[in-house]
PDB file of all heavy atoms in Angstrom:
ATOM      1  N   PRO A   1      20.779   7.938  12.375  1.00  0.00           N
ATOM      2  CA  PRO A   1      20.029   8.019  11.068  1.00  0.00           C
ATOM      3  C   PRO A   1      19.781   6.661  10.430  1.00  0.00           C
ATOM      4  O   PRO A   1      18.649   6.452   9.908  1.00  0.00           O
ATOM      5  CB  PRO A   1      20.916   8.956  10.244  1.00  0.00           C
ATOM      6  CG  PRO A   1      21.684   9.797  11.231  1.00  0.00           C
ATOM      7  CD  PRO A   1      21.943   8.861  12.386  1.00  0.00           C
ATOM      8  N   MET A   2      20.825   5.796  10.374  1.00  0.00           N
ATOM      9  CA  MET A   2      20.639   4.510   9.727  1.00  0.00           C
ATOM     10  C   MET A   2      19.585   3.659  10.455  1.00  0.00           C
ATOM     11  O   MET A   2      18.722   3.053   9.831  1.00  0.00           O
ATOM     12  CB  MET A   2      21.949   3.813   9.732  1.00  0.00           C
ATOM     13  CG  MET A   2      21.978   2.411   9.133  1.00  0.00           C
ATOM     14  SD  MET A   2      21.704   2.445   7.333  1.00  0.00           S
ATOM     15  CE  MET A   2      23.425   2.687   6.791  1.00  0.00           C
ATOM     16  N   HIS A   3      19.650   3.620  11.749  1.00  0.00           N
ATOM     17  CA  HIS A   3      18.588   2.957  12.491  1.00  0.00           C
ATOM     18  C   HIS A   3      17.196   3.451  12.273  1.00  0.00           C
ATOM     19  O   HIS A   3      16.250   2.719  12.118  1.00  0.00           O
ATOM     20  CB  HIS A   3      18.998   2.909  14.028  1.00  0.00           C
ATOM     21  CG  HIS A   3      18.176   1.981  14.848  1.00  0.00           C
ATOM     22  ND1 HIS A   3      18.199   2.003  16.193  1.00  0.00           N
ATOM     23  CD2 HIS A   3      17.303   1.035  14.456  1.00  0.00           C
ATOM     24  CE1 HIS A   3      17.392   1.016  16.688  1.00  0.00           C
ATOM     25  NE2 HIS A   3      16.829   0.454  15.681  1.00  0.00           N
ATOM     26  N   ALA A   4      17.092   4.804  12.284  1.00  0.00           N
ATOM     27  CA  ALA A   4      15.863   5.405  12.072  1.00  0.00           C
ATOM     28  C   ALA A   4      15.215   5.046  10.612  1.00  0.00           C
ATOM     29  O   ALA A   4      14.109   4.762  10.465  1.00  0.00           O
ATOM     30  CB  ALA A   4      15.891   6.897  12.191  1.00  0.00           C
ATOM     31  N   GLY A   5      16.127   5.031   9.704  1.00  0.00           N
ATOM     32  CA  GLY A   5      15.743   4.644   8.340  1.00  0.00           C
ATOM     33  C   GLY A   5      15.263   3.258   8.227  1.00  0.00           C
ATOM     34  O   GLY A   5      14.269   2.996   7.512  1.00  0.00           O
ATOM     35  N   LEU A   6      15.941   2.321   8.949  1.00  0.00           N
ATOM     36  CA  LEU A   6      15.523   0.915   8.916  1.00  0.00           C
ATOM     37  C   LEU A   6      14.173   0.737   9.511  1.00  0.00           C
ATOM     38  O   LEU A   6      13.345  -0.104   9.095  1.00  0.00           O
ATOM     39  CB  LEU A   6      16.572   0.092   9.595  1.00  0.00           C
ATOM     40  CG  LEU A   6      17.933  -0.115   8.855  1.00  0.00           C
ATOM     41  CD1 LEU A   6      18.917  -0.773   9.698  1.00  0.00           C
ATOM     42  CD2 LEU A   6      17.745  -0.811   7.583  1.00  0.00           C
ATOM     43  N   LEU A   7      13.816   1.566  10.522  1.00  0.00           N
ATOM     44  CA  LEU A   7      12.547   1.407  11.208  1.00  0.00           C
ATOM     45  C   LEU A   7      11.455   1.861  10.298  1.00  0.00           C
ATOM     46  O   LEU A   7      10.312   1.323  10.357  1.00  0.00           O
ATOM     47  CB  LEU A   7      12.459   2.172  12.493  1.00  0.00           C
ATOM     48  CG  LEU A   7      13.221   1.579  13.653  1.00  0.00           C
ATOM     49  CD1 LEU A   7      13.308   2.468  14.843  1.00  0.00           C
ATOM     50  CD2 LEU A   7      12.625   0.215  14.130  1.00  0.00           C
ATOM     51  N   LEU A   8      11.720   2.810   9.411  1.00  0.00           N
ATOM     52  CA  LEU A   8      10.649   3.299   8.500  1.00  0.00           C
ATOM     53  C   LEU A   8      10.617   2.468   7.197  1.00  0.00           C
ATOM     54  O   LEU A   8       9.705   2.618   6.353  1.00  0.00           O
ATOM     55  CB  LEU A   8      10.927   4.777   8.099  1.00  0.00           C
ATOM     56  CG  LEU A   8      10.854   5.753   9.244  1.00  0.00           C
ATOM     57  CD1 LEU A   8      11.117   7.204   8.760  1.00  0.00           C
ATOM     58  CD2 LEU A   8       9.389   5.726   9.841  1.00  0.00           C
ATOM     59  N   LEU A   9      11.589   1.669   6.951  1.00  0.00           N
ATOM     60  CA  LEU A   9      11.598   0.805   5.760  1.00  0.00           C
ATOM     61  C   LEU A   9      10.416  -0.121   5.537  1.00  0.00           C
ATOM     62  O   LEU A   9       9.956  -0.142   4.450  1.00  0.00           O
ATOM     63  CB  LEU A   9      12.950  -0.103   5.761  1.00  0.00           C
ATOM     64  CG  LEU A   9      13.152  -0.902   4.537  1.00  0.00           C
ATOM     65  CD1 LEU A   9      13.340  -0.012   3.260  1.00  0.00           C
ATOM     66  CD2 LEU A   9      14.483  -1.740   4.703  1.00  0.00           C
ATOM     67  N   PRO A  10       9.876  -0.781   6.561  1.00  0.00           N
ATOM     68  CA  PRO A  10       8.665  -1.579   6.340  1.00  0.00           C
ATOM     69  C   PRO A  10       7.466  -0.744   5.760  1.00  0.00           C
ATOM     70  O   PRO A  10       6.859  -1.266   4.937  1.00  0.00           O
ATOM     71  CB  PRO A  10       8.314  -2.142   7.738  1.00  0.00           C
ATOM     72  CG  PRO A  10       9.660  -2.154   8.500  1.00  0.00           C
ATOM     73  CD  PRO A  10      10.324  -0.877   7.933  1.00  0.00           C
ATOM     74  N   GLY A  11       7.363   0.481   6.338  1.00  0.00           N
ATOM     75  CA  GLY A  11       6.209   1.284   5.773  1.00  0.00           C
ATOM     76  C   GLY A  11       6.357   1.700   4.371  1.00  0.00           C
ATOM     77  O   GLY A  11       5.456   1.670   3.577  1.00  0.00           O
ATOM     78  N   LEU A  12       7.667   2.089   4.018  1.00  0.00           N
ATOM     79  CA  LEU A  12       7.853   2.547   2.642  1.00  0.00           C
ATOM     80  C   LEU A  12       7.825   1.299   1.674  1.00  0.00           C
ATOM     81  O   LEU A  12       7.448   1.355   0.518  1.00  0.00           O
ATOM     82  CB  LEU A  12       9.231   3.163   2.549  1.00  0.00           C
ATOM     83  CG  LEU A  12       9.220   4.494   3.394  1.00  0.00           C
ATOM     84  CD1 LEU A  12      10.689   4.986   3.630  1.00  0.00           C
ATOM     85  CD2 LEU A  12       8.375   5.576   2.773  1.00  0.00           C
ATOM     86  N   THR A  13       8.341   0.097   2.182  1.00  0.00           N
ATOM     87  CA  THR A  13       8.153  -1.121   1.405  1.00  0.00           C
ATOM     88  C   THR A  13       6.661  -1.449   1.143  1.00  0.00           C
ATOM     89  O   THR A  13       6.306  -1.975   0.147  1.00  0.00           O
ATOM     90  CB  THR A  13       8.879  -2.270   2.089  1.00  0.00           C
ATOM     91  OG1 THR A  13      10.288  -1.861   2.299  1.00  0.00           O
ATOM     92  CG2 THR A  13       8.859  -3.503   1.240  1.00  0.00           C
ATOM     93  N   ALA A  14       5.903  -1.269   2.220  1.00  0.00           N
ATOM     94  CA  ALA A  14       4.435  -1.499   2.076  1.00  0.00           C
ATOM     95  C   ALA A  14       3.773  -0.674   1.001  1.00  0.00           C
ATOM     96  O   ALA A  14       2.842  -1.171   0.332  1.00  0.00           O
ATOM     97  CB  ALA A  14       3.733  -1.227   3.485  1.00  0.00           C
ATOM     98  N   ALA A  15       4.316   0.587   0.823  1.00  0.00           N
ATOM     99  CA  ALA A  15       3.774   1.337  -0.262  1.00  0.00           C
ATOM    100  C   ALA A  15       4.149   0.744  -1.584  1.00  0.00           C
ATOM    101  O   ALA A  15       3.289   0.852  -2.601  1.00  0.00           O
ATOM    102  CB  ALA A  15       4.367   2.803  -0.113  1.00  0.00           C
ATOM    103  N   VAL A  16       5.243   0.174  -1.771  1.00  0.00           N
ATOM    104  CA  VAL A  16       5.661  -0.503  -3.053  1.00  0.00           C
ATOM    105  C   VAL A  16       4.743  -1.656  -3.301  1.00  0.00           C
ATOM    106  O   VAL A  16       4.182  -1.827  -4.304  1.00  0.00           O
ATOM    107  CB  VAL A  16       7.092  -0.913  -3.034  1.00  0.00           C
ATOM    108  CG1 VAL A  16       7.487  -1.724  -4.311  1.00  0.00           C
ATOM    109  CG2 VAL A  16       8.062   0.273  -2.889  1.00  0.00           C
ATOM    110  N   VAL A  17       4.563  -2.480  -2.193  1.00  0.00           N
ATOM    111  CA  VAL A  17       3.700  -3.643  -2.319  1.00  0.00           C
ATOM    112  C   VAL A  17       2.292  -3.242  -2.595  1.00  0.00           C
ATOM    113  O   VAL A  17       1.598  -3.869  -3.425  1.00  0.00           O
ATOM    114  CB  VAL A  17       3.800  -4.417  -1.004  1.00  0.00           C
ATOM    115  CG1 VAL A  17       2.790  -5.600  -1.045  1.00  0.00           C
ATOM    116  CG2 VAL A  17       5.184  -4.988  -0.804  1.00  0.00           C
ATOM    117  N   GLY A  18       1.790  -2.170  -2.020  1.00  0.00           N
ATOM    118  CA  GLY A  18       0.461  -1.750  -2.236  1.00  0.00           C
ATOM    119  C   GLY A  18       0.248  -1.352  -3.648  1.00  0.00           C
ATOM    120  O   GLY A  18      -0.787  -1.624  -4.291  1.00  0.00           O
ATOM    121  N   SER A  19       1.232  -0.620  -4.324  1.00  0.00           N
ATOM    122  CA  SER A  19       1.111  -0.286  -5.744  1.00  0.00           C
ATOM    123  C   SER A  19       0.969  -1.422  -6.607  1.00  0.00           C
ATOM    124  O   SER A  19       0.182  -1.531  -7.553  1.00  0.00           O
ATOM    125  CB  SER A  19       2.277   0.594  -6.100  1.00  0.00           C
ATOM    126  OG  SER A  19       2.287   1.821  -5.415  1.00  0.00           O
ATOM    127  N   LEU A  20       1.793  -2.422  -6.411  1.00  0.00           N
ATOM    128  CA  LEU A  20       1.846  -3.664  -7.254  1.00  0.00           C
ATOM    129  C   LEU A  20       0.637  -4.530  -6.971  1.00  0.00           C
ATOM    130  O   LEU A  20       0.042  -5.041  -7.923  1.00  0.00           O
ATOM    131  CB  LEU A  20       3.132  -4.416  -7.024  1.00  0.00           C
ATOM    132  CG  LEU A  20       4.421  -3.633  -7.333  1.00  0.00           C
ATOM    133  CD1 LEU A  20       5.690  -4.429  -7.020  1.00  0.00           C
ATOM    134  CD2 LEU A  20       4.411  -3.273  -8.828  1.00  0.00           C
ATOM    135  N   LEU A  21       0.239  -4.672  -5.766  1.00  0.00           N
ATOM    136  CA  LEU A  21      -0.969  -5.450  -5.409  1.00  0.00           C
ATOM    137  C   LEU A  21      -2.169  -4.791  -5.968  1.00  0.00           C
ATOM    138  O   LEU A  21      -3.167  -5.545  -6.326  1.00  0.00           O
ATOM    139  CB  LEU A  21      -1.061  -5.541  -3.877  1.00  0.00           C
ATOM    140  CG  LEU A  21      -2.156  -6.457  -3.276  1.00  0.00           C
ATOM    141  CD1 LEU A  21      -1.939  -7.804  -3.675  1.00  0.00           C
ATOM    142  CD2 LEU A  21      -2.214  -6.295  -1.766  1.00  0.00           C
ATOM    143  N   ALA A  22      -2.304  -3.496  -6.062  1.00  0.00           N
ATOM    144  CA  ALA A  22      -3.491  -2.874  -6.598  1.00  0.00           C
ATOM    145  C   ALA A  22      -3.775  -3.258  -8.056  1.00  0.00           C
ATOM    146  O   ALA A  22      -4.999  -3.194  -8.473  1.00  0.00           O
ATOM    147  CB  ALA A  22      -3.355  -1.375  -6.455  1.00  0.00           C
ATOM    148  N   THR A  23      -2.700  -3.614  -8.795  1.00  0.00           N
ATOM    149  CA  THR A  23      -2.963  -3.973 -10.214  1.00  0.00           C
ATOM    150  C   THR A  23      -3.792  -5.256 -10.336  1.00  0.00           C
ATOM    151  O   THR A  23      -4.497  -5.406 -11.324  1.00  0.00           O
ATOM    152  CB  THR A  23      -1.665  -4.200 -10.947  1.00  0.00           C
ATOM    153  OG1 THR A  23      -0.963  -5.289 -10.308  1.00  0.00           O
ATOM    154  CG2 THR A  23      -0.804  -2.951 -10.898  1.00  0.00           C
ATOM    155  N   ARG A  24      -3.774  -6.090  -9.298  1.00  0.00           N
ATOM    156  CA  ARG A  24      -4.604  -7.273  -9.283  1.00  0.00           C
ATOM    157  C   ARG A  24      -5.952  -7.084  -8.575  1.00  0.00           C
ATOM    158  O   ARG A  24      -6.996  -7.496  -9.064  1.00  0.00           O
ATOM    159  CB  ARG A  24      -3.884  -8.407  -8.609  1.00  0.00           C
ATOM    160  CG  ARG A  24      -2.655  -8.986  -9.356  1.00  0.00           C
ATOM    161  CD  ARG A  24      -2.092 -10.145  -8.721  1.00  0.00           C
ATOM    162  NE  ARG A  24      -0.965 -10.713  -9.599  1.00  0.00           N
ATOM    163  CZ  ARG A  24      -1.075 -11.540 -10.521  1.00  0.00           C
ATOM    164  NH1 ARG A  24      -2.326 -11.876 -10.840  1.00  0.00           N
ATOM    165  NH2 ARG A  24      -0.002 -11.903 -11.247  1.00  0.00           N
ATOM    166  N   LEU A  25      -5.903  -6.316  -7.569  1.00  0.00           N
ATOM    167  CA  LEU A  25      -7.202  -6.010  -6.814  1.00  0.00           C
ATOM    168  C   LEU A  25      -8.178  -5.263  -7.622  1.00  0.00           C
ATOM    169  O   LEU A  25      -9.337  -5.494  -7.516  1.00  0.00           O
ATOM    170  CB  LEU A  25      -6.864  -5.206  -5.491  1.00  0.00           C
ATOM    171  CG  LEU A  25      -6.069  -5.980  -4.459  1.00  0.00           C
ATOM    172  CD1 LEU A  25      -5.680  -5.051  -3.292  1.00  0.00           C
ATOM    173  CD2 LEU A  25      -6.730  -7.254  -3.970  1.00  0.00           C
ATOM    174  N   VAL A  26      -7.660  -4.326  -8.488  1.00  0.00           N
ATOM    175  CA  VAL A  26      -8.544  -3.471  -9.234  1.00  0.00           C
ATOM    176  C   VAL A  26      -9.435  -4.282 -10.290  1.00  0.00           C
ATOM    177  O   VAL A  26     -10.371  -3.849 -10.790  1.00  0.00           O
ATOM    178  CB  VAL A  26      -7.850  -2.367  -9.983  1.00  0.00           C
ATOM    179  CG1 VAL A  26      -7.053  -2.876 -11.137  1.00  0.00           C
ATOM    180  CG2 VAL A  26      -8.682  -1.238 -10.314  1.00  0.00           C
ATOM    181  N   ARG A  27      -8.928  -5.544 -10.594  1.00  0.00           N
ATOM    182  CA  ARG A  27      -9.646  -6.351 -11.556  1.00  0.00           C
ATOM    183  C   ARG A  27     -10.888  -7.095 -10.874  1.00  0.00           C
ATOM    184  O   ARG A  27     -11.690  -7.619 -11.577  1.00  0.00           O
ATOM    185  CB  ARG A  27      -8.726  -7.388 -12.145  1.00  0.00           C
ATOM    186  CG  ARG A  27      -7.536  -6.809 -12.900  1.00  0.00           C
ATOM    187  CD  ARG A  27      -6.668  -7.963 -13.350  1.00  0.00           C
ATOM    188  NE  ARG A  27      -5.422  -7.429 -13.964  1.00  0.00           N
ATOM    189  CZ  ARG A  27      -4.420  -8.198 -14.400  1.00  0.00           C
ATOM    190  NH1 ARG A  27      -4.518  -9.498 -14.303  1.00  0.00           N
ATOM    191  NH2 ARG A  27      -3.345  -7.656 -14.949  1.00  0.00           N
ATOM    192  N   ARG A  28     -10.825  -7.126  -9.510  1.00  0.00           N
ATOM    193  CA  ARG A  28     -11.856  -7.840  -8.786  1.00  0.00           C
ATOM    194  C   ARG A  28     -12.760  -7.059  -7.983  1.00  0.00           C
ATOM    195  O   ARG A  28     -13.870  -7.467  -7.655  1.00  0.00           O
ATOM    196  CB  ARG A  28     -11.194  -8.910  -7.935  1.00  0.00           C
ATOM    197  CG  ARG A  28     -10.288  -9.914  -8.669  1.00  0.00           C
ATOM    198  CD  ARG A  28      -9.752 -10.954  -7.757  1.00  0.00           C
ATOM    199  NE  ARG A  28     -10.841 -11.794  -7.195  1.00  0.00           N
ATOM    200  CZ  ARG A  28     -10.709 -12.748  -6.347  1.00  0.00           C
ATOM    201  NH1 ARG A  28      -9.544 -13.059  -5.954  1.00  0.00           N
ATOM    202  NH2 ARG A  28     -11.802 -13.464  -5.885  1.00  0.00           N
ATOM    203  N   PHE A  29     -12.345  -5.802  -7.600  1.00  0.00           N
ATOM    204  CA  PHE A  29     -13.157  -4.960  -6.768  1.00  0.00           C
ATOM    205  C   PHE A  29     -13.435  -3.587  -7.408  1.00  0.00           C
ATOM    206  O   PHE A  29     -12.684  -3.142  -8.221  1.00  0.00           O
ATOM    207  CB  PHE A  29     -12.452  -4.793  -5.457  1.00  0.00           C
ATOM    208  CG  PHE A  29     -12.146  -6.025  -4.678  1.00  0.00           C
ATOM    209  CD1 PHE A  29     -10.917  -6.588  -4.721  1.00  0.00           C
ATOM    210  CD2 PHE A  29     -13.177  -6.581  -3.955  1.00  0.00           C
ATOM    211  CE1 PHE A  29     -10.630  -7.744  -4.066  1.00  0.00           C
ATOM    212  CE2 PHE A  29     -12.947  -7.792  -3.200  1.00  0.00           C
ATOM    213  CZ  PHE A  29     -11.678  -8.371  -3.271  1.00  0.00           C
ATOM    214  N   ALA A  30     -14.562  -3.001  -7.023  1.00  0.00           N
ATOM    215  CA  ALA A  30     -14.889  -1.691  -7.584  1.00  0.00           C
ATOM    216  C   ALA A  30     -13.872  -0.649  -7.096  1.00  0.00           C
ATOM    217  O   ALA A  30     -13.370  -0.747  -6.009  1.00  0.00           O
ATOM    218  CB  ALA A  30     -16.236  -1.289  -7.053  1.00  0.00           C
ATOM    219  N   MET A  31     -13.549   0.278  -7.995  1.00  0.00           N
ATOM    220  CA  MET A  31     -12.514   1.245  -7.691  1.00  0.00           C
ATOM    221  C   MET A  31     -13.000   2.097  -6.400  1.00  0.00           C
ATOM    222  O   MET A  31     -12.156   2.372  -5.537  1.00  0.00           O
ATOM    223  CB  MET A  31     -12.345   2.214  -8.833  1.00  0.00           C
ATOM    224  CG  MET A  31     -11.407   3.375  -8.497  1.00  0.00           C
ATOM    225  SD  MET A  31     -11.277   4.587  -9.861  1.00  0.00           S
ATOM    226  CE  MET A  31     -10.213   5.790  -9.101  1.00  0.00           C
ATOM    227  N   ALA A  32     -14.242   2.442  -6.295  1.00  0.00           N
ATOM    228  CA  ALA A  32     -14.723   3.182  -5.155  1.00  0.00           C
ATOM    229  C   ALA A  32     -14.509   2.479  -3.859  1.00  0.00           C
ATOM    230  O   ALA A  32     -13.998   3.060  -2.929  1.00  0.00           O
ATOM    231  CB  ALA A  32     -16.245   3.440  -5.389  1.00  0.00           C
ATOM    232  N   SER A  33     -14.795   1.195  -3.830  1.00  0.00           N
ATOM    233  CA  SER A  33     -14.630   0.460  -2.577  1.00  0.00           C
ATOM    234  C   SER A  33     -13.148   0.293  -2.272  1.00  0.00           C
ATOM    235  O   SER A  33     -12.762   0.420  -1.183  1.00  0.00           O
ATOM    236  CB  SER A  33     -15.305  -0.944  -2.678  1.00  0.00           C
ATOM    237  OG  SER A  33     -16.698  -0.783  -2.939  1.00  0.00           O
ATOM    238  N   LEU A  34     -12.332  -0.034  -3.257  1.00  0.00           N
ATOM    239  CA  LEU A  34     -10.930  -0.282  -3.046  1.00  0.00           C
ATOM    240  C   LEU A  34     -10.239   1.009  -2.539  1.00  0.00           C
ATOM    241  O   LEU A  34      -9.455   0.967  -1.658  1.00  0.00           O
ATOM    242  CB  LEU A  34     -10.273  -0.798  -4.350  1.00  0.00           C
ATOM    243  CG  LEU A  34      -8.979  -1.420  -4.206  1.00  0.00           C
ATOM    244  CD1 LEU A  34      -8.850  -2.481  -3.298  1.00  0.00           C
ATOM    245  CD2 LEU A  34      -8.451  -1.904  -5.673  1.00  0.00           C
ATOM    246  N   LEU A  35     -10.581   2.122  -3.201  1.00  0.00           N
ATOM    247  CA  LEU A  35      -9.998   3.382  -2.810  1.00  0.00           C
ATOM    248  C   LEU A  35     -10.423   3.774  -1.406  1.00  0.00           C
ATOM    249  O   LEU A  35      -9.583   4.261  -0.587  1.00  0.00           O
ATOM    250  CB  LEU A  35     -10.414   4.487  -3.769  1.00  0.00           C
ATOM    251  CG  LEU A  35      -9.654   5.857  -3.683  1.00  0.00           C
ATOM    252  CD1 LEU A  35      -8.125   5.705  -3.737  1.00  0.00           C
ATOM    253  CD2 LEU A  35     -10.114   6.790  -4.742  1.00  0.00           C
ATOM    254  N   GLY A  36     -11.671   3.591  -1.124  1.00  0.00           N
ATOM    255  CA  GLY A  36     -12.151   3.956   0.260  1.00  0.00           C
ATOM    256  C   GLY A  36     -11.431   3.174   1.373  1.00  0.00           C
ATOM    257  O   GLY A  36     -11.057   3.674   2.354  1.00  0.00           O
ATOM    258  N   VAL A  37     -11.300   1.771   1.123  1.00  0.00           N
ATOM    259  CA  VAL A  37     -10.635   1.046   2.101  1.00  0.00           C
ATOM    260  C   VAL A  37      -9.208   1.432   2.255  1.00  0.00           C
ATOM    261  O   VAL A  37      -8.640   1.440   3.364  1.00  0.00           O
ATOM    262  CB  VAL A  37     -10.747  -0.496   1.730  1.00  0.00           C
ATOM    263  CG1 VAL A  37      -9.805  -1.356   2.598  1.00  0.00           C
ATOM    264  CG2 VAL A  37     -12.183  -0.981   1.805  1.00  0.00           C
ATOM    265  N   ALA A  38      -8.495   1.685   1.116  1.00  0.00           N
ATOM    266  CA  ALA A  38      -7.110   2.014   1.175  1.00  0.00           C
ATOM    267  C   ALA A  38      -6.900   3.299   2.048  1.00  0.00           C
ATOM    268  O   ALA A  38      -5.980   3.372   2.811  1.00  0.00           O
ATOM    269  CB  ALA A  38      -6.570   2.261  -0.203  1.00  0.00           C
ATOM    270  N   LEU A  39      -7.710   4.332   1.811  1.00  0.00           N
ATOM    271  CA  LEU A  39      -7.570   5.591   2.527  1.00  0.00           C
ATOM    272  C   LEU A  39      -7.901   5.356   3.995  1.00  0.00           C
ATOM    273  O   LEU A  39      -7.286   5.979   4.907  1.00  0.00           O
ATOM    274  CB  LEU A  39      -8.511   6.643   1.904  1.00  0.00           C
ATOM    275  CG  LEU A  39      -8.188   7.089   0.492  1.00  0.00           C
ATOM    276  CD1 LEU A  39      -9.238   8.037  -0.001  1.00  0.00           C
ATOM    277  CD2 LEU A  39      -6.708   7.699   0.433  1.00  0.00           C
ATOM    278  N   ALA A  40      -8.943   4.506   4.293  1.00  0.00           N
ATOM    279  CA  ALA A  40      -9.267   4.244   5.672  1.00  0.00           C
ATOM    280  C   ALA A  40      -8.135   3.515   6.385  1.00  0.00           C
ATOM    281  O   ALA A  40      -7.858   3.866   7.629  1.00  0.00           O
ATOM    282  CB  ALA A  40     -10.500   3.324   5.771  1.00  0.00           C
ATOM    283  N   VAL A  41      -7.434   2.660   5.755  1.00  0.00           N
ATOM    284  CA  VAL A  41      -6.199   1.971   6.337  1.00  0.00           C
ATOM    285  C   VAL A  41      -5.167   3.035   6.621  1.00  0.00           C
ATOM    286  O   VAL A  41      -4.567   2.962   7.726  1.00  0.00           O
ATOM    287  CB  VAL A  41      -5.655   0.902   5.402  1.00  0.00           C
ATOM    288  CG1 VAL A  41      -4.326   0.461   5.842  1.00  0.00           C
ATOM    289  CG2 VAL A  41      -6.677  -0.290   5.292  1.00  0.00           C
TER     290      VAL A  41
END
């Protein structure tokens, strides 16, 4: 279980980074474009 959790940690950390990064990206890009790219990723 511990090993499995560590392997998923980068993805869950990426979600934290994505939330914080979006506060800056939303000032420069249209919401429609930013949301579309995020969902496509």
